Amino acid sequence: EVLVFVSDGLPGMEEAILRVYPNAEWQQCLLHKMRNTLAKVRREDRGAVAWELKRIYLADSQKEAESAWRRFRARWERKYPEVVRAWEEELGSLFVFFRYPKALWTYLRSTNLLERFIRELRRGTKVRDHQFPKPEAIKKLLP
């Protein structure tokens, strides 16, 4: 049984997942969301915006995150209304990780660990030009 999916915010992703796995939850990757957000913010504001967004998703509880969100919204809504609106509309899919044990939060907030794993597999297969003499050979690539 699949409990949760973590992916970037591609349109239709949540609907596709829930169609196949109706009991699963979808967590939008916070780092992808952060990168997309910072691309819409003026260079001189990026540091402050990034810091305040980190305070939201690195909070110790959902209650703290919601409080940090309200502070972010109050500070930036006038200057970046589209950014604030986009986050507000997606908070539900950005805060799913809070419903799981804290030990898992690092893995559930982002796809970065999985992306790194895939990158390492690709790097290993390039060296071997996708040729593995025995099934055990591919296991050597896995951590």
N, C-alpha and C. Protein backbone atom coordinates (compact mmCIF):
# COMPACT_ATOMS: atom_id res chain seq x y z
N GLU A 1 0.84 -1.18 0.00
CA GLU A 1 0.00 0.00 0.00
C GLU A 1 0.89 1.25 0.00
N VAL A 2 0.63 2.15 -0.90
CA VAL A 2 1.39 3.39 -1.01
C VAL A 2 0.69 4.44 -0.14
N LEU A 3 1.45 5.07 0.75
CA LEU A 3 0.88 6.08 1.64
C LEU A 3 1.03 7.48 1.10
N VAL A 4 2.21 7.76 0.53
CA VAL A 4 2.48 9.14 0.11
C VAL A 4 3.40 9.15 -1.10
N PHE A 5 3.14 10.08 -1.99
CA PHE A 5 4.00 10.35 -3.14
C PHE A 5 4.61 11.72 -2.95
N VAL A 6 5.85 11.87 -3.35
CA VAL A 6 6.52 13.16 -3.33
C VAL A 6 6.97 13.45 -4.76
N SER A 7 6.56 14.61 -5.27
CA SER A 7 6.95 14.97 -6.64
C SER A 7 6.93 16.48 -6.77
N ASP A 8 7.42 16.95 -7.92
CA ASP A 8 7.33 18.38 -8.17
C ASP A 8 5.87 18.72 -8.45
N GLY A 9 5.61 19.99 -8.67
CA GLY A 9 4.23 20.45 -8.81
C GLY A 9 3.70 20.46 -10.22
N LEU A 10 4.03 19.47 -11.00
CA LEU A 10 3.52 19.42 -12.38
C LEU A 10 2.00 19.41 -12.38
N PRO A 11 1.38 20.16 -13.28
CA PRO A 11 -0.08 20.18 -13.35
C PRO A 11 -0.64 18.77 -13.60
N GLY A 12 -1.65 18.41 -12.85
CA GLY A 12 -2.29 17.12 -13.01
C GLY A 12 -1.65 15.98 -12.24
N MET A 13 -0.52 16.24 -11.58
CA MET A 13 0.19 15.17 -10.87
C MET A 13 -0.67 14.59 -9.75
N GLU A 14 -1.23 15.45 -8.92
CA GLU A 14 -2.03 14.96 -7.80
C GLU A 14 -3.22 14.14 -8.30
N GLU A 15 -3.91 14.64 -9.31
CA GLU A 15 -5.08 13.93 -9.84
C GLU A 15 -4.68 12.56 -10.39
N ALA A 16 -3.57 12.50 -11.10
CA ALA A 16 -3.11 11.23 -11.67
C ALA A 16 -2.78 10.22 -10.56
N ILE A 17 -2.10 10.68 -9.54
CA ILE A 17 -1.73 9.79 -8.44
C ILE A 17 -2.98 9.27 -7.74
N LEU A 18 -3.91 10.18 -7.43
CA LEU A 18 -5.10 9.78 -6.69
C LEU A 18 -6.04 8.91 -7.52
N ARG A 19 -5.97 9.02 -8.81
CA ARG A 19 -6.79 8.16 -9.67
C ARG A 19 -6.34 6.70 -9.54
N VAL A 20 -5.04 6.49 -9.45
CA VAL A 20 -4.50 5.14 -9.36
C VAL A 20 -4.40 4.66 -7.91
N TYR A 21 -4.06 5.59 -7.01
CA TYR A 21 -3.90 5.27 -5.59
C TYR A 21 -4.81 6.19 -4.77
N PRO A 22 -6.09 5.90 -4.71
CA PRO A 22 -7.04 6.82 -4.08
C PRO A 22 -6.82 7.07 -2.59
N ASN A 23 -6.11 6.18 -1.91
CA ASN A 23 -5.87 6.36 -0.47
C ASN A 23 -4.53 7.03 -0.18
N ALA A 24 -3.76 7.29 -1.20
CA ALA A 24 -2.44 7.90 -1.01
C ALA A 24 -2.56 9.41 -0.85
N GLU A 25 -1.51 10.00 -0.32
CA GLU A 25 -1.42 11.46 -0.22
C GLU A 25 -0.32 11.93 -1.15
N TRP A 26 -0.40 13.19 -1.52
CA TRP A 26 0.61 13.78 -2.40
C TRP A 26 1.27 14.95 -1.70
N GLN A 27 2.59 14.86 -1.56
CA GLN A 27 3.41 15.93 -1.00
C GLN A 27 4.15 16.58 -2.15
N GLN A 28 3.93 17.86 -2.32
CA GLN A 28 4.65 18.59 -3.35
C GLN A 28 6.07 18.88 -2.85
N CYS A 29 7.05 18.68 -3.69
CA CYS A 29 8.45 18.91 -3.32
C CYS A 29 8.65 20.38 -2.96
N LEU A 30 9.06 20.61 -1.72
CA LEU A 30 9.24 21.99 -1.25
C LEU A 30 10.43 22.67 -1.92
N LEU A 31 11.45 21.93 -2.26
CA LEU A 31 12.61 22.57 -2.89
C LEU A 31 12.30 22.99 -4.32
N HIS A 32 11.53 22.19 -5.05
CA HIS A 32 11.10 22.62 -6.38
C HIS A 32 10.22 23.87 -6.26
N LYS A 33 9.33 23.86 -5.28
CA LYS A 33 8.45 25.01 -5.06
C LYS A 33 9.28 26.24 -4.71
N MET A 34 10.27 26.05 -3.89
CA MET A 34 11.15 27.15 -3.49
C MET A 34 11.88 27.73 -4.70
N ARG A 35 12.46 26.87 -5.53
CA ARG A 35 13.17 27.35 -6.73
C ARG A 35 12.24 28.12 -7.65
N ASN A 36 11.05 27.59 -7.87
CA ASN A 36 10.08 28.27 -8.73
C ASN A 36 9.68 29.61 -8.15
N THR A 37 9.53 29.66 -6.84
CA THR A 37 9.16 30.90 -6.17
C THR A 37 10.26 31.94 -6.31
N LEU A 38 11.49 31.55 -6.01
CA LEU A 38 12.59 32.51 -6.04
C LEU A 38 12.85 33.04 -7.44
N ALA A 39 12.49 32.28 -8.45
CA ALA A 39 12.64 32.76 -9.84
C ALA A 39 11.68 33.92 -10.13
N LYS A 40 10.64 34.06 -9.31
CA LYS A 40 9.65 35.12 -9.51
C LYS A 40 9.87 36.32 -8.60
N VAL A 41 10.95 36.27 -7.83
CA VAL A 41 11.24 37.30 -6.83
C VAL A 41 12.45 38.11 -7.29
N ARG A 42 12.41 39.41 -7.04
CA ARG A 42 13.56 40.26 -7.40
C ARG A 42 14.82 39.79 -6.69
N ARG A 43 15.92 39.92 -7.38
CA ARG A 43 17.20 39.47 -6.85
C ARG A 43 17.47 40.02 -5.44
N GLU A 44 17.18 41.28 -5.22
CA GLU A 44 17.48 41.88 -3.92
C GLU A 44 16.61 41.34 -2.79
N ASP A 45 15.50 40.69 -3.12
CA ASP A 45 14.61 40.13 -2.10
C ASP A 45 14.79 38.62 -1.92
N ARG A 46 15.54 37.98 -2.77
CA ARG A 46 15.62 36.52 -2.75
C ARG A 46 16.11 35.95 -1.42
N GLY A 47 17.12 36.56 -0.85
CA GLY A 47 17.65 36.06 0.42
C GLY A 47 16.62 36.11 1.52
N ALA A 48 15.93 37.23 1.65
CA ALA A 48 14.91 37.38 2.70
C ALA A 48 13.72 36.45 2.46
N VAL A 49 13.28 36.35 1.22
CA VAL A 49 12.15 35.47 0.89
C VAL A 49 12.54 34.02 1.17
N ALA A 50 13.73 33.62 0.74
CA ALA A 50 14.19 32.24 0.96
C ALA A 50 14.26 31.92 2.45
N TRP A 51 14.80 32.85 3.23
CA TRP A 51 14.91 32.65 4.67
C TRP A 51 13.54 32.45 5.30
N GLU A 52 12.59 33.28 4.93
CA GLU A 52 11.26 33.18 5.52
C GLU A 52 10.53 31.91 5.07
N LEU A 53 10.73 31.49 3.83
CA LEU A 53 10.11 30.25 3.37
C LEU A 53 10.73 29.05 4.09
N LYS A 54 12.02 29.08 4.33
CA LYS A 54 12.66 28.00 5.08
C LYS A 54 12.10 27.91 6.49
N ARG A 55 11.79 29.04 7.08
CA ARG A 55 11.21 29.04 8.42
C ARG A 55 9.85 28.35 8.43
N ILE A 56 9.17 28.38 7.30
CA ILE A 56 7.88 27.69 7.19
C ILE A 56 8.11 26.19 7.14
N TYR A 57 8.91 25.72 6.17
CA TYR A 57 8.99 24.28 5.99
C TYR A 57 9.98 23.58 6.92
N LEU A 58 10.79 24.34 7.65
CA LEU A 58 11.67 23.73 8.65
C LEU A 58 11.11 23.88 10.06
N ALA A 59 9.87 24.31 10.17
CA ALA A 59 9.22 24.47 11.47
C ALA A 59 9.12 23.12 12.17
N ASP A 60 9.02 23.15 13.50
CA ASP A 60 8.94 21.92 14.29
C ASP A 60 7.55 21.31 14.33
N SER A 61 6.57 22.03 13.83
CA SER A 61 5.20 21.49 13.82
C SER A 61 4.40 22.22 12.75
N GLN A 62 3.27 21.66 12.40
CA GLN A 62 2.42 22.32 11.42
C GLN A 62 1.89 23.64 11.97
N LYS A 63 1.63 23.68 13.25
CA LYS A 63 1.14 24.92 13.88
C LYS A 63 2.19 26.03 13.74
N GLU A 64 3.45 25.70 14.01
CA GLU A 64 4.53 26.68 13.83
C GLU A 64 4.66 27.09 12.37
N ALA A 65 4.53 26.14 11.47
CA ALA A 65 4.62 26.43 10.03
C ALA A 65 3.50 27.37 9.61
N GLU A 66 2.31 27.15 10.10
CA GLU A 66 1.18 28.02 9.76
C GLU A 66 1.40 29.43 10.29
N SER A 67 1.98 29.53 11.48
CA SER A 67 2.30 30.84 12.05
C SER A 67 3.37 31.55 11.20
N ALA A 68 4.40 30.81 10.80
CA ALA A 68 5.44 31.38 9.93
C ALA A 68 4.85 31.77 8.58
N TRP A 69 3.90 31.00 8.09
CA TRP A 69 3.22 31.33 6.83
C TRP A 69 2.48 32.66 6.94
N ARG A 70 1.77 32.86 8.05
CA ARG A 70 1.03 34.12 8.24
C ARG A 70 1.98 35.31 8.26
N ARG A 71 3.14 35.14 8.90
CA ARG A 71 4.13 36.22 8.91
C ARG A 71 4.66 36.49 7.50
N PHE A 72 4.94 35.42 6.76
CA PHE A 72 5.41 35.56 5.38
C PHE A 72 4.38 36.31 4.55
N ARG A 73 3.14 35.87 4.64
CA ARG A 73 2.06 36.48 3.86
C ARG A 73 1.91 37.96 4.21
N ALA A 74 1.95 38.29 5.49
CA ALA A 74 1.81 39.70 5.91
C ALA A 74 2.95 40.55 5.35
N ARG A 75 4.15 40.00 5.32
CA ARG A 75 5.30 40.78 4.85
C ARG A 75 5.34 40.92 3.33
N TRP A 76 4.99 39.88 2.57
CA TRP A 76 5.25 39.87 1.14
C TRP A 76 4.02 39.98 0.24
N GLU A 77 2.84 39.93 0.79
CA GLU A 77 1.63 39.89 -0.04
C GLU A 77 1.49 41.10 -0.95
N ARG A 78 1.84 42.26 -0.47
CA ARG A 78 1.70 43.47 -1.31
C ARG A 78 2.72 43.50 -2.44
N LYS A 79 3.93 43.06 -2.14
CA LYS A 79 5.00 43.12 -3.13
C LYS A 79 4.94 41.97 -4.13
N TYR A 80 4.56 40.78 -3.66
CA TYR A 80 4.53 39.59 -4.51
C TYR A 80 3.19 38.85 -4.35
N PRO A 81 2.11 39.47 -4.77
CA PRO A 81 0.79 38.83 -4.56
C PRO A 81 0.65 37.48 -5.27
N GLU A 82 1.26 37.33 -6.44
CA GLU A 82 1.14 36.06 -7.17
C GLU A 82 1.89 34.94 -6.45
N VAL A 83 3.03 35.26 -5.88
CA VAL A 83 3.80 34.27 -5.12
C VAL A 83 3.00 33.83 -3.90
N VAL A 84 2.48 34.79 -3.18
CA VAL A 84 1.70 34.47 -1.97
C VAL A 84 0.47 33.65 -2.34
N ARG A 85 -0.22 34.04 -3.39
CA ARG A 85 -1.42 33.31 -3.82
C ARG A 85 -1.08 31.87 -4.20
N ALA A 86 0.02 31.69 -4.92
CA ALA A 86 0.42 30.35 -5.35
C ALA A 86 0.70 29.45 -4.14
N TRP A 87 1.40 29.99 -3.14
CA TRP A 87 1.67 29.20 -1.94
C TRP A 87 0.38 28.92 -1.19
N GLU A 88 -0.46 29.92 -1.07
CA GLU A 88 -1.71 29.74 -0.32
C GLU A 88 -2.57 28.63 -0.94
N GLU A 89 -2.63 28.61 -2.26
CA GLU A 89 -3.43 27.60 -2.95
C GLU A 89 -2.86 26.20 -2.79
N GLU A 90 -1.57 26.10 -2.52
CA GLU A 90 -0.91 24.79 -2.49
C GLU A 90 -0.46 24.36 -1.10
N LEU A 91 -0.80 25.13 -0.06
CA LEU A 91 -0.34 24.79 1.28
C LEU A 91 -0.70 23.36 1.67
N GLY A 92 -1.89 22.91 1.28
CA GLY A 92 -2.30 21.55 1.62
C GLY A 92 -1.34 20.50 1.11
N SER A 93 -0.86 20.66 -0.11
CA SER A 93 0.07 19.67 -0.68
C SER A 93 1.51 19.92 -0.24
N LEU A 94 1.78 21.07 0.35
CA LEU A 94 3.13 21.38 0.83
C LEU A 94 3.33 20.97 2.29
N PHE A 95 2.23 20.77 3.02
CA PHE A 95 2.31 20.45 4.45
C PHE A 95 1.96 18.99 4.76
N VAL A 96 1.83 18.14 3.77
CA VAL A 96 1.48 16.74 4.01
C VAL A 96 2.49 16.07 4.93
N PHE A 97 3.76 16.39 4.78
CA PHE A 97 4.82 15.71 5.55
C PHE A 97 4.62 15.84 7.04
N PHE A 98 3.93 16.90 7.50
CA PHE A 98 3.70 17.08 8.94
C PHE A 98 2.84 15.97 9.53
N ARG A 99 2.11 15.23 8.72
CA ARG A 99 1.24 14.16 9.22
C ARG A 99 2.00 12.85 9.46
N TYR A 100 3.27 12.84 9.17
CA TYR A 100 4.08 11.64 9.33
C TYR A 100 5.10 11.85 10.44
N PRO A 101 5.73 10.77 10.93
CA PRO A 101 6.72 10.92 12.00
C PRO A 101 7.84 11.89 11.59
N LYS A 102 8.27 12.66 12.56
CA LYS A 102 9.27 13.70 12.31
C LYS A 102 10.56 13.13 11.69
N ALA A 103 10.89 11.90 12.03
CA ALA A 103 12.09 11.27 11.48
C ALA A 103 12.03 11.15 9.96
N LEU A 104 10.85 11.18 9.38
CA LEU A 104 10.68 11.04 7.93
C LEU A 104 10.59 12.38 7.19
N TRP A 105 10.46 13.46 7.91
CA TRP A 105 10.21 14.75 7.27
C TRP A 105 11.25 15.10 6.21
N THR A 106 12.51 14.88 6.50
CA THR A 106 13.58 15.21 5.55
C THR A 106 13.36 14.49 4.22
N TYR A 107 12.91 13.25 4.28
CA TYR A 107 12.70 12.45 3.07
C TYR A 107 11.42 12.84 2.34
N LEU A 108 10.43 13.30 3.08
CA LEU A 108 9.13 13.59 2.49
C LEU A 108 9.00 15.02 1.96
N ARG A 109 9.84 15.92 2.41
CA ARG A 109 9.72 17.32 1.97
C ARG A 109 10.22 17.54 0.56
N SER A 110 11.09 16.65 0.09
CA SER A 110 11.78 16.92 -1.16
C SER A 110 12.08 15.64 -1.93
N THR A 111 12.25 15.79 -3.22
CA THR A 111 12.65 14.66 -4.06
C THR A 111 14.17 14.60 -4.22
N ASN A 112 14.91 15.46 -3.56
CA ASN A 112 16.36 15.56 -3.78
C ASN A 112 17.12 14.26 -3.51
N LEU A 113 16.78 13.55 -2.43
CA LEU A 113 17.50 12.31 -2.14
C LEU A 113 17.27 11.28 -3.23
N LEU A 114 16.06 11.16 -3.71
CA LEU A 114 15.76 10.23 -4.79
C LEU A 114 16.45 10.66 -6.08
N GLU A 115 16.43 11.95 -6.37
CA GLU A 115 17.09 12.45 -7.58
C GLU A 115 18.59 12.17 -7.52
N ARG A 116 19.19 12.31 -6.35
CA ARG A 116 20.62 12.03 -6.21
C ARG A 116 20.89 10.54 -6.44
N PHE A 117 20.05 9.69 -5.87
CA PHE A 117 20.19 8.24 -6.05
C PHE A 117 20.13 7.89 -7.54
N ILE A 118 19.17 8.43 -8.25
CA ILE A 118 19.02 8.16 -9.68
C ILE A 118 20.24 8.67 -10.45
N ARG A 119 20.73 9.86 -10.09
CA ARG A 119 21.91 10.41 -10.74
C ARG A 119 23.12 9.48 -10.55
N GLU A 120 23.28 8.93 -9.34
CA GLU A 120 24.39 8.01 -9.08
C GLU A 120 24.25 6.72 -9.88
N LEU A 121 23.02 6.22 -9.99
CA LEU A 121 22.80 5.03 -10.82
C LEU A 121 23.17 5.30 -12.27
N ARG A 122 22.75 6.44 -12.77
CA ARG A 122 23.07 6.79 -14.17
C ARG A 122 24.57 6.90 -14.38
N ARG A 123 25.23 7.52 -13.41
CA ARG A 123 26.68 7.68 -13.51
C ARG A 123 27.35 6.31 -13.56
N GLY A 124 26.88 5.40 -12.72
CA GLY A 124 27.43 4.04 -12.70
C GLY A 124 27.16 3.27 -13.97
N THR A 125 26.01 3.48 -14.57
CA THR A 125 25.69 2.74 -15.80
C THR A 125 26.42 3.33 -17.00
N LYS A 126 26.71 4.61 -16.98
CA LYS A 126 27.46 5.21 -18.09
C LYS A 126 28.86 4.61 -18.18
N VAL A 127 29.48 4.40 -17.04
CA VAL A 127 30.82 3.84 -17.00
C VAL A 127 30.82 2.45 -17.64
N ARG A 128 29.77 1.71 -17.40
CA ARG A 128 29.68 0.33 -17.91
C ARG A 128 28.96 0.25 -19.25
N ASP A 129 28.57 1.38 -19.78
CA ASP A 129 27.86 1.43 -21.06
C ASP A 129 26.65 0.50 -21.04
N HIS A 130 25.95 0.47 -19.90
CA HIS A 130 24.72 -0.31 -19.72
C HIS A 130 24.92 -1.81 -19.92
N GLN A 131 26.13 -2.29 -19.75
CA GLN A 131 26.38 -3.72 -19.92
C GLN A 131 26.71 -4.33 -18.56
N PHE A 132 25.93 -5.29 -18.16
CA PHE A 132 26.15 -5.98 -16.90
C PHE A 132 26.23 -7.48 -17.21
N PRO A 133 27.39 -8.10 -17.01
CA PRO A 133 27.57 -9.50 -17.39
C PRO A 133 26.70 -10.46 -16.58
N LYS A 134 26.41 -10.13 -15.33
CA LYS A 134 25.58 -10.98 -14.47
C LYS A 134 24.58 -10.09 -13.73
N PRO A 135 23.44 -10.64 -13.33
CA PRO A 135 22.47 -9.84 -12.57
C PRO A 135 23.07 -9.25 -11.29
N GLU A 136 24.04 -9.94 -10.70
CA GLU A 136 24.66 -9.45 -9.46
C GLU A 136 25.46 -8.17 -9.70
N ALA A 137 25.89 -7.96 -10.93
CA ALA A 137 26.73 -6.80 -11.24
C ALA A 137 25.99 -5.49 -10.99
N ILE A 138 24.72 -5.46 -11.29
CA ILE A 138 23.97 -4.21 -11.08
C ILE A 138 23.80 -3.93 -9.59
N LYS A 139 23.77 -4.97 -8.78
CA LYS A 139 23.62 -4.78 -7.33
C LYS A 139 24.79 -4.01 -6.74
N LYS A 140 25.94 -4.07 -7.38
CA LYS A 140 27.10 -3.35 -6.88
C LYS A 140 26.91 -1.84 -6.98
N LEU A 141 26.02 -1.41 -7.86
CA LEU A 141 25.74 0.03 -7.98
C LEU A 141 24.88 0.54 -6.84
N LEU A 142 24.10 -0.35 -6.26
CA LEU A 142 23.15 0.06 -5.23
C LEU A 142 23.85 0.19 -3.89
N PRO A 143 23.47 1.23 -3.13
CA PRO A 143 24.10 1.41 -1.81
C PRO A 143 23.70 0.34 -0.82
